[in-house]
């Protein structure tokens, strides 16, 4: 097409150079994505689908014996897997012939490329973050990412829905830890629902605070903050150096995100949550495509991935919370 012949080469070269930083910036743009990155829960893989091996039962051969007692050698089951589909996201970069001509000088070309890349980066980060938190995977004919609304469902159906191919109605271990704060009329400052959810999900095992992220709304965060103001402390340099403002609860970092639905607080255990990215299709761009009826062209930045859990009951959702 007519226009700046160097723009396509400059854009593609700059994007190739910028891609590692672009990927990093996407993950650092929002607290949930940043937490997964900090905890090393993002992994590039390939394959037709994502398989998460699961332990669904204990080894029952434990016992005591003396001398020539019979020893149990029963073969053990209790190992299965959850299967997750790949999801496919994109953002589009467009450039018109008029834009190319107006930005034909070296400085203008560089400025335009940087602006386009920044726009793409922000759009991808916002889109992924929103879907990871509020999407149940049913949007756009089931093409949307399945986010926390599916994996750690607040709905009553969360105890009965199928996630990763496993029917939660038949498997108690595959039900999220749900705490209804509205049943006792407690407000967020009573925070016993938070403690109950965490205690239930950890089953009395040693709590690993850094593995958890508390994710709530701005209103609930500020209400909790107001009640703790005289006692606020950050507990380590590592947490103090975090990119996002946060409070601490039982040693767990608690932050807020504007897309978290009203009245909800999640406590997410990163030891049992992963974001898998498809090799060759994560922050990968397509070739430029000319529009047959316009003096313009487009290309897409792709993000194929899947957010998964391998133990739903280790994640907590507290719902029905108020600031009254």
C-alpha atoms as a PDB file:
ATOM      1  CA  UNK A   1       0.000   0.000   0.000  1.00  0.00           C
ATOM      2  CA  UNK A   2       1.020   3.630  -0.323  1.00  0.00           C
ATOM      3  CA  UNK A   3       2.529   5.484   2.602  1.00  0.00           C
ATOM      4  CA  UNK A   4       5.628   5.153   4.709  1.00  0.00           C
ATOM      5  CA  UNK A   5       7.529   2.093   3.423  1.00  0.00           C
ATOM      6  CA  UNK A   6       9.614   1.878   6.580  1.00  0.00           C
ATOM      7  CA  UNK A   7       6.785   1.831   9.094  1.00  0.00           C
ATOM      8  CA  UNK A   8       6.041  -1.893   8.891  1.00  0.00           C
ATOM      9  CA  UNK A   9       9.696  -2.814   9.349  1.00  0.00           C
ATOM     10  CA  UNK A  10      10.188  -0.324  12.169  1.00  0.00           C
ATOM     11  CA  UNK A  11       7.066  -1.434  14.002  1.00  0.00           C
ATOM     12  CA  UNK A  12       7.874  -5.134  13.718  1.00  0.00           C
ATOM     13  CA  UNK A  13      11.514  -4.664  14.687  1.00  0.00           C
ATOM     14  CA  UNK A  14      10.599  -2.496  17.655  1.00  0.00           C
ATOM     15  CA  UNK A  15       7.931  -4.948  18.780  1.00  0.00           C
ATOM     16  CA  UNK A  16      10.363  -7.869  18.590  1.00  0.00           C
ATOM     17  CA  UNK A  17      12.815  -5.916  20.727  1.00  0.00           C
ATOM     18  CA  UNK A  18      10.072  -4.726  23.088  1.00  0.00           C
ATOM     19  CA  UNK A  19       8.226  -8.059  23.474  1.00  0.00           C
ATOM     20  CA  UNK A  20       9.952  -9.350  26.661  1.00  0.00           C
ATOM     21  CA  UNK A  21       9.336  -5.994  28.336  1.00  0.00           C
ATOM     22  CA  UNK A  22       5.783  -5.883  26.977  1.00  0.00           C
ATOM     23  CA  UNK A  23       5.046  -9.299  28.488  1.00  0.00           C
ATOM     24  CA  UNK A  24       6.577  -8.217  31.783  1.00  0.00           C
ATOM     25  CA  UNK A  25       4.638  -4.961  31.812  1.00  0.00           C
ATOM     26  CA  UNK A  26       1.343  -6.748  31.156  1.00  0.00           C
ATOM     27  CA  UNK A  27       1.878  -8.946  34.210  1.00  0.00           C
ATOM     28  CA  UNK A  28       2.963  -6.025  36.371  1.00  0.00           C
ATOM     29  CA  UNK A  29       0.030  -3.817  35.409  1.00  0.00           C
ATOM     30  CA  UNK A  30      -2.474  -5.335  37.854  1.00  0.00           C
ATOM     31  CA  UNK A  31      -2.085  -6.879  41.287  1.00  0.00           C
ATOM     32  CA  UNK A  32      -3.535 -10.315  40.398  1.00  0.00           C
ATOM     33  CA  UNK A  33      -1.284 -10.761  37.367  1.00  0.00           C
ATOM     34  CA  UNK A  34       1.694  -9.412  39.308  1.00  0.00           C
ATOM     35  CA  UNK A  35       1.053 -11.920  42.105  1.00  0.00           C
ATOM     36  CA  UNK A  36       1.090 -14.860  39.705  1.00  0.00           C
ATOM     37  CA  UNK A  37       4.346 -13.594  38.220  1.00  0.00           C
ATOM     38  CA  UNK A  38       5.967 -13.010  41.611  1.00  0.00           C
ATOM     39  CA  UNK A  39       5.070 -16.524  42.708  1.00  0.00           C
ATOM     40  CA  UNK A  40       6.402 -18.146  39.528  1.00  0.00           C
ATOM     41  CA  UNK A  41       2.966 -19.460  38.504  1.00  0.00           C
ATOM     42  CA  UNK A  42       3.201 -18.560  34.813  1.00  0.00           C
ATOM     43  CA  UNK A  43       4.494 -21.238  32.468  1.00  0.00           C
ATOM     44  CA  UNK A  44       4.742 -21.545  28.705  1.00  0.00           C
ATOM     45  CA  UNK A  45       3.673 -24.934  27.366  1.00  0.00           C
ATOM     46  CA  UNK A  46       2.285 -26.497  24.196  1.00  0.00           C
ATOM     47  CA  UNK A  47      -0.344 -29.125  23.435  1.00  0.00           C
ATOM     48  CA  UNK A  48      -3.975 -29.473  22.426  1.00  0.00           C
ATOM     49  CA  UNK A  49      -5.208 -28.660  25.940  1.00  0.00           C
ATOM     50  CA  UNK A  50      -3.914 -27.987  29.438  1.00  0.00           C
ATOM     51  CA  UNK A  51      -3.735 -30.969  31.794  1.00  0.00           C
ATOM     52  CA  UNK A  52      -3.500 -30.431  35.562  1.00  0.00           C
ATOM     53  CA  UNK A  53      -2.635 -33.627  37.530  1.00  0.00           C
ATOM     54  CA  UNK A  54      -4.639 -33.839  40.763  1.00  0.00           C
ATOM     55  CA  UNK A  55      -4.511 -35.760  44.002  1.00  0.00           C
ATOM     56  CA  UNK A  56      -8.120 -36.585  44.832  1.00  0.00           C
ATOM     57  CA  UNK A  57      -7.560 -39.082  47.630  1.00  0.00           C
ATOM     58  CA  UNK A  58      -5.038 -40.262  50.192  1.00  0.00           C
ATOM     59  CA  UNK A  59      -2.907 -43.411  50.045  1.00  0.00           C
ATOM     60  CA  UNK A  60      -4.827 -45.812  52.314  1.00  0.00           C
ATOM     61  CA  UNK A  61      -1.990 -48.266  52.958  1.00  0.00           C
ATOM     62  CA  UNK A  62      -0.696 -46.546  56.079  1.00  0.00           C
ATOM     63  CA  UNK A  63      -0.657 -48.932  59.031  1.00  0.00           C
ATOM     64  CA  UNK A  64       1.385 -50.444  61.821  1.00  0.00           C
ATOM     65  CA  UNK A  65       2.773 -53.977  62.058  1.00  0.00           C
ATOM     66  CA  UNK A  66       4.872 -56.381  64.035  1.00  0.00           C
ATOM     67  CA  UNK A  67       7.055 -59.262  62.854  1.00  0.00           C
ATOM     68  CA  UNK A  68       5.148 -61.388  60.311  1.00  0.00           C
ATOM     69  CA  UNK A  69       1.896 -59.435  60.169  1.00  0.00           C
ATOM     70  CA  UNK A  70       0.270 -59.150  56.779  1.00  0.00           C
ATOM     71  CA  UNK A  71       1.153 -55.887  55.047  1.00  0.00           C
ATOM     72  CA  UNK A  72      -1.386 -54.081  52.867  1.00  0.00           C
ATOM     73  CA  UNK A  73      -0.207 -53.898  49.264  1.00  0.00           C
ATOM     74  CA  UNK A  74      -3.441 -52.677  47.695  1.00  0.00           C
ATOM     75  CA  UNK A  75      -2.825 -50.662  44.544  1.00  0.00           C
ATOM     76  CA  UNK A  76      -3.799 -47.050  45.038  1.00  0.00           C
ATOM     77  CA  UNK A  77      -5.986 -44.818  42.966  1.00  0.00           C
ATOM     78  CA  UNK A  78      -6.631 -41.200  43.968  1.00  0.00           C
ATOM     79  CA  UNK A  79      -4.751 -39.586  41.079  1.00  0.00           C
ATOM     80  CA  UNK A  80      -6.682 -37.920  38.279  1.00  0.00           C
ATOM     81  CA  UNK A  81      -6.412 -34.789  36.170  1.00  0.00           C
ATOM     82  CA  UNK A  82      -8.368 -31.676  35.249  1.00  0.00           C
ATOM     83  CA  UNK A  83      -8.463 -30.606  31.634  1.00  0.00           C
ATOM     84  CA  UNK A  84      -8.655 -26.985  30.573  1.00  0.00           C
ATOM     85  CA  UNK A  85      -9.170 -25.536  27.104  1.00  0.00           C
ATOM     86  CA  UNK A  86      -6.935 -22.909  25.580  1.00  0.00           C
ATOM     87  CA  UNK A  87      -8.446 -19.443  25.301  1.00  0.00           C
ATOM     88  CA  UNK A  88      -7.434 -16.914  22.695  1.00  0.00           C
ATOM     89  CA  UNK A  89      -7.239 -13.144  23.177  1.00  0.00           C
ATOM     90  CA  UNK A  90      -6.061 -10.409  20.854  1.00  0.00           C
ATOM     91  CA  UNK A  91      -5.611  -6.705  20.462  1.00  0.00           C
ATOM     92  CA  UNK A  92      -5.499  -5.000  17.077  1.00  0.00           C
ATOM     93  CA  UNK A  93      -3.075  -2.329  15.933  1.00  0.00           C
ATOM     94  CA  UNK A  94      -4.277  -0.250  13.003  1.00  0.00           C
ATOM     95  CA  UNK A  95      -2.380   2.238  10.865  1.00  0.00           C
ATOM     96  CA  UNK A  96      -3.895   4.314   8.086  1.00  0.00           C
ATOM     97  CA  UNK A  97      -2.144   5.671   5.043  1.00  0.00           C
ATOM     98  CA  UNK A  98      -2.808   9.187   6.317  1.00  0.00           C
ATOM     99  CA  UNK A  99      -1.102   8.416   9.648  1.00  0.00           C
ATOM    100  CA  UNK A 100       1.904   6.957   7.888  1.00  0.00           C
ATOM    101  CA  UNK A 101       2.325   9.961   5.618  1.00  0.00           C
ATOM    102  CA  UNK A 102       1.937  12.433   8.478  1.00  0.00           C
ATOM    103  CA  UNK A 103       4.578  10.556  10.458  1.00  0.00           C
ATOM    104  CA  UNK A 104       7.123  10.125   7.694  1.00  0.00           C
ATOM    105  CA  UNK A 105      10.075  11.732   9.491  1.00  0.00           C
ATOM    106  CA  UNK A 106      12.362   9.565  11.704  1.00  0.00           C
ATOM    107  CA  UNK A 107      11.318  11.206  14.964  1.00  0.00           C
ATOM    108  CA  UNK A 108       7.622  11.083  14.103  1.00  0.00           C
ATOM    109  CA  UNK A 109       7.856   7.430  13.057  1.00  0.00           C
ATOM    110  CA  UNK A 110       9.494   6.448  16.340  1.00  0.00           C
ATOM    111  CA  UNK A 111       6.940   8.414  18.348  1.00  0.00           C
ATOM    112  CA  UNK A 112       4.020   6.814  16.516  1.00  0.00           C
ATOM    113  CA  UNK A 113       5.445   3.299  16.997  1.00  0.00           C
ATOM    114  CA  UNK A 114       5.926   3.874  20.730  1.00  0.00           C
ATOM    115  CA  UNK A 115       2.393   5.229  21.057  1.00  0.00           C
ATOM    116  CA  UNK A 116       0.895   2.276  19.209  1.00  0.00           C
ATOM    117  CA  UNK A 117       2.867  -0.198  21.334  1.00  0.00           C
ATOM    118  CA  UNK A 118       1.825   1.511  24.570  1.00  0.00           C
ATOM    119  CA  UNK A 119      -1.810   1.412  23.524  1.00  0.00           C
ATOM    120  CA  UNK A 120      -1.539  -2.295  22.660  1.00  0.00           C
ATOM    121  CA  UNK A 121       0.183  -3.064  25.969  1.00  0.00           C
ATOM    122  CA  UNK A 122      -2.446  -1.296  28.088  1.00  0.00           C
ATOM    123  CA  UNK A 123      -5.348  -2.802  26.167  1.00  0.00           C
ATOM    124  CA  UNK A 124      -3.981  -6.336  26.510  1.00  0.00           C
ATOM    125  CA  UNK A 125      -3.290  -5.942  30.245  1.00  0.00           C
ATOM    126  CA  UNK A 126      -6.740  -4.497  30.960  1.00  0.00           C
ATOM    127  CA  UNK A 127      -8.521  -7.131  28.896  1.00  0.00           C
ATOM    128  CA  UNK A 128      -6.692 -10.089  30.416  1.00  0.00           C
ATOM    129  CA  UNK A 129      -7.000  -8.801  33.976  1.00  0.00           C
ATOM    130  CA  UNK A 130     -10.727  -8.215  33.605  1.00  0.00           C
ATOM    131  CA  UNK A 131     -11.380 -11.669  32.170  1.00  0.00           C
ATOM    132  CA  UNK A 132      -9.199 -13.431  34.734  1.00  0.00           C
ATOM    133  CA  UNK A 133     -11.208 -11.878  37.587  1.00  0.00           C
ATOM    134  CA  UNK A 134     -14.821 -11.489  36.475  1.00  0.00           C
ATOM    135  CA  UNK A 135     -15.273 -13.886  33.566  1.00  0.00           C
ATOM    136  CA  UNK A 136     -16.958 -17.257  34.041  1.00  0.00           C
ATOM    137  CA  UNK A 137     -15.851 -18.340  30.579  1.00  0.00           C
ATOM    138  CA  UNK A 138     -19.326 -18.299  29.056  1.00  0.00           C
ATOM    139  CA  UNK A 139     -19.040 -14.927  27.305  1.00  0.00           C
ATOM    140  CA  UNK A 140     -18.688 -14.608  23.543  1.00  0.00           C
ATOM    141  CA  UNK A 141     -20.123 -18.077  23.019  1.00  0.00           C
ATOM    142  CA  UNK A 142     -17.731 -19.673  25.512  1.00  0.00           C
ATOM    143  CA  UNK A 143     -14.629 -18.131  23.940  1.00  0.00           C
ATOM    144  CA  UNK A 144     -13.773 -15.858  26.876  1.00  0.00           C
ATOM    145  CA  UNK A 145     -11.145 -16.846  29.412  1.00  0.00           C
ATOM    146  CA  UNK A 146     -12.558 -18.757  32.391  1.00  0.00           C
ATOM    147  CA  UNK A 147     -11.543 -16.595  35.340  1.00  0.00           C
ATOM    148  CA  UNK A 148     -12.158 -16.528  39.069  1.00  0.00           C
ATOM    149  CA  UNK A 149     -15.930 -16.327  38.555  1.00  0.00           C
ATOM    150  CA  UNK A 150     -15.678 -19.903  37.257  1.00  0.00           C
ATOM    151  CA  UNK A 151     -12.670 -21.337  39.061  1.00  0.00           C
ATOM    152  CA  UNK A 152     -13.578 -19.950  42.512  1.00  0.00           C
ATOM    153  CA  UNK A 153     -17.272 -19.407  41.948  1.00  0.00           C
ATOM    154  CA  UNK A 154     -19.330 -17.367  44.394  1.00  0.00           C
ATOM    155  CA  UNK A 155     -22.613 -18.651  42.982  1.00  0.00           C
ATOM    156  CA  UNK A 156     -24.502 -21.433  44.731  1.00  0.00           C
ATOM    157  CA  UNK A 157     -23.895 -23.478  41.604  1.00  0.00           C
ATOM    158  CA  UNK A 158     -20.167 -23.307  42.373  1.00  0.00           C
ATOM    159  CA  UNK A 159     -20.543 -26.442  44.461  1.00  0.00           C
ATOM    160  CA  UNK A 160     -22.186 -28.274  41.585  1.00  0.00           C
ATOM    161  CA  UNK A 161     -20.570 -27.034  38.413  1.00  0.00           C
ATOM    162  CA  UNK A 162     -18.063 -28.821  36.236  1.00  0.00           C
ATOM    163  CA  UNK A 163     -14.595 -27.255  36.190  1.00  0.00           C
ATOM    164  CA  UNK A 164     -11.715 -28.770  34.255  1.00  0.00           C
ATOM    165  CA  UNK A 165     -13.959 -31.685  33.347  1.00  0.00           C
ATOM    166  CA  UNK A 166     -14.594 -32.616  37.009  1.00  0.00           C
ATOM    167  CA  UNK A 167     -18.119 -32.458  38.438  1.00  0.00           C
ATOM    168  CA  UNK A 168     -17.946 -30.671  41.793  1.00  0.00           C
ATOM    169  CA  UNK A 169     -21.329 -32.040  42.869  1.00  0.00           C
ATOM    170  CA  UNK A 170     -19.767 -35.492  43.112  1.00  0.00           C
ATOM    171  CA  UNK A 171     -16.369 -34.437  44.470  1.00  0.00           C
ATOM    172  CA  UNK A 172     -16.234 -32.409  47.687  1.00  0.00           C
ATOM    173  CA  UNK A 173     -12.531 -31.632  47.226  1.00  0.00           C
ATOM    174  CA  UNK A 174     -13.417 -29.834  43.993  1.00  0.00           C
ATOM    175  CA  UNK A 175     -15.626 -27.210  45.623  1.00  0.00           C
ATOM    176  CA  UNK A 176     -14.300 -23.736  46.398  1.00  0.00           C
ATOM    177  CA  UNK A 177     -14.253 -22.548  50.003  1.00  0.00           C
ATOM    178  CA  UNK A 178     -17.236 -20.180  50.091  1.00  0.00           C
ATOM    179  CA  UNK A 179     -18.123 -18.016  53.089  1.00  0.00           C
ATOM    180  CA  UNK A 180     -21.401 -16.100  53.139  1.00  0.00           C
ATOM    181  CA  UNK A 181     -20.750 -12.987  55.232  1.00  0.00           C
ATOM    182  CA  UNK A 182     -24.382 -11.921  54.951  1.00  0.00           C
ATOM    183  CA  UNK A 183     -25.666 -14.778  57.110  1.00  0.00           C
ATOM    184  CA  UNK A 184     -24.577 -13.136  60.379  1.00  0.00           C
ATOM    185  CA  UNK A 185     -24.880  -9.505  59.367  1.00  0.00           C
ATOM    186  CA  UNK A 186     -21.185  -8.896  59.983  1.00  0.00           C
ATOM    187  CA  UNK A 187     -19.329  -6.088  58.304  1.00  0.00           C
ATOM    188  CA  UNK A 188     -15.841  -6.273  56.889  1.00  0.00           C
ATOM    189  CA  UNK A 189     -14.307  -4.980  60.135  1.00  0.00           C
ATOM    190  CA  UNK A 190     -15.492  -8.072  61.938  1.00  0.00           C
ATOM    191  CA  UNK A 191     -13.181  -9.986  59.511  1.00  0.00           C
ATOM    192  CA  UNK A 192     -14.027 -13.322  61.160  1.00  0.00           C
ATOM    193  CA  UNK A 193     -15.310 -14.458  57.744  1.00  0.00           C
ATOM    194  CA  UNK A 194     -11.869 -13.862  56.277  1.00  0.00           C
ATOM    195  CA  UNK A 195     -10.264 -15.908  59.047  1.00  0.00           C
ATOM    196  CA  UNK A 196     -12.870 -18.653  58.728  1.00  0.00           C
ATOM    197  CA  UNK A 197     -12.337 -18.949  54.994  1.00  0.00           C
ATOM    198  CA  UNK A 198      -8.549 -19.120  55.315  1.00  0.00           C
ATOM    199  CA  UNK A 199      -8.663 -21.597  58.194  1.00  0.00           C
ATOM    200  CA  UNK A 200     -11.091 -23.821  56.308  1.00  0.00           C
ATOM    201  CA  UNK A 201      -9.110 -23.787  53.071  1.00  0.00           C
ATOM    202  CA  UNK A 202      -5.793 -24.580  54.788  1.00  0.00           C
ATOM    203  CA  UNK A 203      -7.398 -27.377  56.872  1.00  0.00           C
ATOM    204  CA  UNK A 204      -5.273 -26.505  59.863  1.00  0.00           C
ATOM    205  CA  UNK A 205      -2.051 -27.020  57.905  1.00  0.00           C
ATOM    206  CA  UNK A 206       0.765 -24.509  58.172  1.00  0.00           C
ATOM    207  CA  UNK A 207      -0.263 -21.267  56.521  1.00  0.00           C
ATOM    208  CA  UNK A 208       2.093 -19.986  53.819  1.00  0.00           C
ATOM    209  CA  UNK A 209       1.161 -16.291  53.748  1.00  0.00           C
ATOM    210  CA  UNK A 210       3.224 -15.403  50.693  1.00  0.00           C
ATOM    211  CA  UNK A 211       1.365 -18.000  48.653  1.00  0.00           C
ATOM    212  CA  UNK A 212      -1.917 -16.152  49.225  1.00  0.00           C
ATOM    213  CA  UNK A 213      -3.279 -12.964  47.754  1.00  0.00           C
ATOM    214  CA  UNK A 214      -6.310 -11.258  49.247  1.00  0.00           C
ATOM    215  CA  UNK A 215      -8.155  -9.489  46.446  1.00  0.00           C
ATOM    216  CA  UNK A 216     -11.121  -7.282  47.284  1.00  0.00           C
ATOM    217  CA  UNK A 217     -13.012  -4.160  46.236  1.00  0.00           C
ATOM    218  CA  UNK A 218     -11.884  -0.605  46.847  1.00  0.00           C
ATOM    219  CA  UNK A 219     -14.798  -0.009  49.241  1.00  0.00           C
ATOM    220  CA  UNK A 220     -14.066  -3.097  51.365  1.00  0.00           C
ATOM    221  CA  UNK A 221     -10.332  -2.402  51.290  1.00  0.00           C
ATOM    222  CA  UNK A 222     -10.780   1.169  52.513  1.00  0.00           C
ATOM    223  CA  UNK A 223     -13.242   0.099  55.202  1.00  0.00           C
ATOM    224  CA  UNK A 224     -10.801  -2.520  56.488  1.00  0.00           C
ATOM    225  CA  UNK A 225      -7.990   0.034  56.289  1.00  0.00           C
ATOM    226  CA  UNK A 226      -9.922   2.568  58.344  1.00  0.00           C
ATOM    227  CA  UNK A 227     -10.426   0.045  61.123  1.00  0.00           C
ATOM    228  CA  UNK A 228      -6.729  -0.816  61.218  1.00  0.00           C
ATOM    229  CA  UNK A 229      -5.227   2.643  60.766  1.00  0.00           C
ATOM    230  CA  UNK A 230      -3.484   2.840  64.181  1.00  0.00           C
ATOM    231  CA  UNK A 231      -1.952  -0.623  63.730  1.00  0.00           C
ATOM    232  CA  UNK A 232      -0.871  -0.665  60.083  1.00  0.00           C
ATOM    233  CA  UNK A 233       2.433  -2.422  59.513  1.00  0.00           C
ATOM    234  CA  UNK A 234       4.181  -4.002  56.556  1.00  0.00           C
ATOM    235  CA  UNK A 235       5.824  -7.196  57.699  1.00  0.00           C
ATOM    236  CA  UNK A 236       8.872  -7.545  55.443  1.00  0.00           C
ATOM    237  CA  UNK A 237      10.989  -5.641  52.982  1.00  0.00           C
ATOM    238  CA  UNK A 238       9.767  -7.993  50.269  1.00  0.00           C
ATOM    239  CA  UNK A 239       6.164  -6.973  50.877  1.00  0.00           C
ATOM    240  CA  UNK A 240       7.061  -3.319  51.418  1.00  0.00           C
ATOM    241  CA  UNK A 241       8.719  -3.276  47.991  1.00  0.00           C
ATOM    242  CA  UNK A 242       5.619  -4.601  46.224  1.00  0.00           C
ATOM    243  CA  UNK A 243       4.287  -2.492  43.358  1.00  0.00           C
ATOM    244  CA  UNK A 244       0.776  -2.155  44.779  1.00  0.00           C
ATOM    245  CA  UNK A 245      -0.572  -0.641  47.978  1.00  0.00           C
ATOM    246  CA  UNK A 246      -1.719  -3.379  50.308  1.00  0.00           C
ATOM    247  CA  UNK A 247      -2.690  -4.268  53.851  1.00  0.00           C
ATOM    248  CA  UNK A 248      -1.842  -7.405  55.783  1.00  0.00           C
ATOM    249  CA  UNK A 249      -4.215  -9.997  57.211  1.00  0.00           C
ATOM    250  CA  UNK A 250      -2.773 -13.074  58.958  1.00  0.00           C
ATOM    251  CA  UNK A 251       0.451 -12.248  57.110  1.00  0.00           C
ATOM    252  CA  UNK A 252      -1.361 -12.261  53.755  1.00  0.00           C
ATOM    253  CA  UNK A 253      -1.101  -9.346  51.354  1.00  0.00           C
ATOM    254  CA  UNK A 254      -4.555  -7.815  50.729  1.00  0.00           C
ATOM    255  CA  UNK A 255      -5.060  -5.462  47.783  1.00  0.00           C
ATOM    256  CA  UNK A 256      -7.976  -4.217  45.710  1.00  0.00           C
ATOM    257  CA  UNK A 257      -8.900  -4.130  42.051  1.00  0.00           C
ATOM    258  CA  UNK A 258     -11.631  -2.019  40.513  1.00  0.00           C
ATOM    259  CA  UNK A 259     -13.149  -4.966  38.615  1.00  0.00           C
ATOM    260  CA  UNK A 260     -13.762  -7.176  41.674  1.00  0.00           C
ATOM    261  CA  UNK A 261     -17.575  -7.448  42.059  1.00  0.00           C
ATOM    262  CA  UNK A 262     -19.272  -5.648  44.942  1.00  0.00           C
ATOM    263  CA  UNK A 263     -19.121  -7.416  48.307  1.00  0.00           C
ATOM    264  CA  UNK A 264     -16.465  -9.978  47.346  1.00  0.00           C
ATOM    265  CA  UNK A 265     -13.066 -10.806  48.776  1.00  0.00           C
ATOM    266  CA  UNK A 266     -10.937 -13.588  47.321  1.00  0.00           C
ATOM    267  CA  UNK A 267      -8.073 -15.317  49.086  1.00  0.00           C
ATOM    268  CA  UNK A 268      -6.187 -17.034  46.299  1.00  0.00           C
ATOM    269  CA  UNK A 269      -3.553 -19.682  46.967  1.00  0.00           C
ATOM    270  CA  UNK A 270      -0.942 -19.438  44.242  1.00  0.00           C
ATOM    271  CA  UNK A 271       0.381 -22.915  45.080  1.00  0.00           C
ATOM    272  CA  UNK A 272      -2.810 -24.211  43.500  1.00  0.00           C
ATOM    273  CA  UNK A 273      -3.308 -21.779  40.627  1.00  0.00           C
ATOM    274  CA  UNK A 274      -1.428 -21.441  37.342  1.00  0.00           C
ATOM    275  CA  UNK A 275      -1.520 -19.384  34.207  1.00  0.00           C
ATOM    276  CA  UNK A 276      -0.342 -21.427  31.245  1.00  0.00           C
ATOM    277  CA  UNK A 277       0.675 -19.576  28.102  1.00  0.00           C
ATOM    278  CA  UNK A 278       0.913 -21.255  24.718  1.00  0.00           C
ATOM    279  CA  UNK A 279       4.425 -21.268  23.314  1.00  0.00           C
ATOM    280  CA  UNK A 280       4.642 -19.252  20.135  1.00  0.00           C
ATOM    281  CA  UNK A 281       1.278 -17.601  20.692  1.00  0.00           C
ATOM    282  CA  UNK A 282       1.796 -15.523  23.810  1.00  0.00           C
ATOM    283  CA  UNK A 283       2.390 -11.861  23.016  1.00  0.00           C
ATOM    284  CA  UNK A 284       2.989 -12.934  19.437  1.00  0.00           C
ATOM    285  CA  UNK A 285       2.014 -10.691  16.555  1.00  0.00           C
ATOM    286  CA  UNK A 286       0.513 -11.559  13.199  1.00  0.00           C
ATOM    287  CA  UNK A 287       1.616 -10.211   9.839  1.00  0.00           C
ATOM    288  CA  UNK A 288       0.208  -6.907   8.625  1.00  0.00           C
ATOM    289  CA  UNK A 289      -3.012  -7.272   6.648  1.00  0.00           C
ATOM    290  CA  UNK A 290      -4.217  -4.730   4.111  1.00  0.00           C
ATOM    291  CA  UNK A 291      -7.896  -3.810   4.067  1.00  0.00           C
ATOM    292  CA  UNK A 292      -9.359  -4.333   0.582  1.00  0.00           C
ATOM    293  CA  UNK A 293     -11.667  -1.308   0.850  1.00  0.00           C
ATOM    294  CA  UNK A 294      -9.568   1.088   2.960  1.00  0.00           C
ATOM    295  CA  UNK A 295      -6.182   2.754   2.794  1.00  0.00           C
ATOM    296  CA  UNK A 296      -5.185   1.174   6.081  1.00  0.00           C
ATOM    297  CA  UNK A 297      -3.775  -2.044   7.504  1.00  0.00           C
ATOM    298  CA  UNK A 298      -3.983  -4.051  10.699  1.00  0.00           C
ATOM    299  CA  UNK A 299      -2.139  -6.609  12.718  1.00  0.00           C
ATOM    300  CA  UNK A 300      -3.048  -8.450  15.913  1.00  0.00           C
ATOM    301  CA  UNK A 301      -1.128  -9.159  19.109  1.00  0.00           C
ATOM    302  CA  UNK A 302      -2.155 -12.611  20.349  1.00  0.00           C
ATOM    303  CA  UNK A 303      -2.349 -14.096  23.835  1.00  0.00           C
ATOM    304  CA  UNK A 304      -3.315 -17.781  23.957  1.00  0.00           C
ATOM    305  CA  UNK A 305      -3.494 -19.136  27.487  1.00  0.00           C
ATOM    306  CA  UNK A 306      -5.485 -20.821  30.222  1.00  0.00           C
ATOM    307  CA  UNK A 307      -5.956 -19.953  33.890  1.00  0.00           C
ATOM    308  CA  UNK A 308      -6.245 -23.146  35.964  1.00  0.00           C
ATOM    309  CA  UNK A 309      -6.596 -24.470  39.498  1.00  0.00           C
ATOM    310  CA  UNK A 310      -5.557 -27.879  40.789  1.00  0.00           C
ATOM    311  CA  UNK A 311      -7.385 -27.729  44.143  1.00  0.00           C
ATOM    312  CA  UNK A 312     -10.497 -25.546  44.175  1.00  0.00           C
ATOM    313  CA  UNK A 313     -11.028 -25.913  47.923  1.00  0.00           C
ATOM    314  CA  UNK A 314      -7.702 -24.208  48.627  1.00  0.00           C
ATOM    315  CA  UNK A 315      -9.120 -20.927  47.297  1.00  0.00           C
ATOM    316  CA  UNK A 316     -11.543 -18.774  49.269  1.00  0.00           C
ATOM    317  CA  UNK A 317     -14.319 -16.419  48.237  1.00  0.00           C
ATOM    318  CA  UNK A 318     -16.100 -14.397  50.932  1.00  0.00           C
ATOM    319  CA  UNK A 319     -19.287 -12.815  49.629  1.00  0.00           C
ATOM    320  CA  UNK A 320     -22.140 -10.655  50.865  1.00  0.00           C
ATOM    321  CA  UNK A 321     -19.760  -8.315  52.707  1.00  0.00           C
ATOM    322  CA  UNK A 322     -20.847  -4.770  53.541  1.00  0.00           C
ATOM    323  CA  UNK A 323     -19.313  -1.606  54.913  1.00  0.00           C
ATOM    324  CA  UNK A 324     -22.390  -0.708  56.987  1.00  0.00           C
END
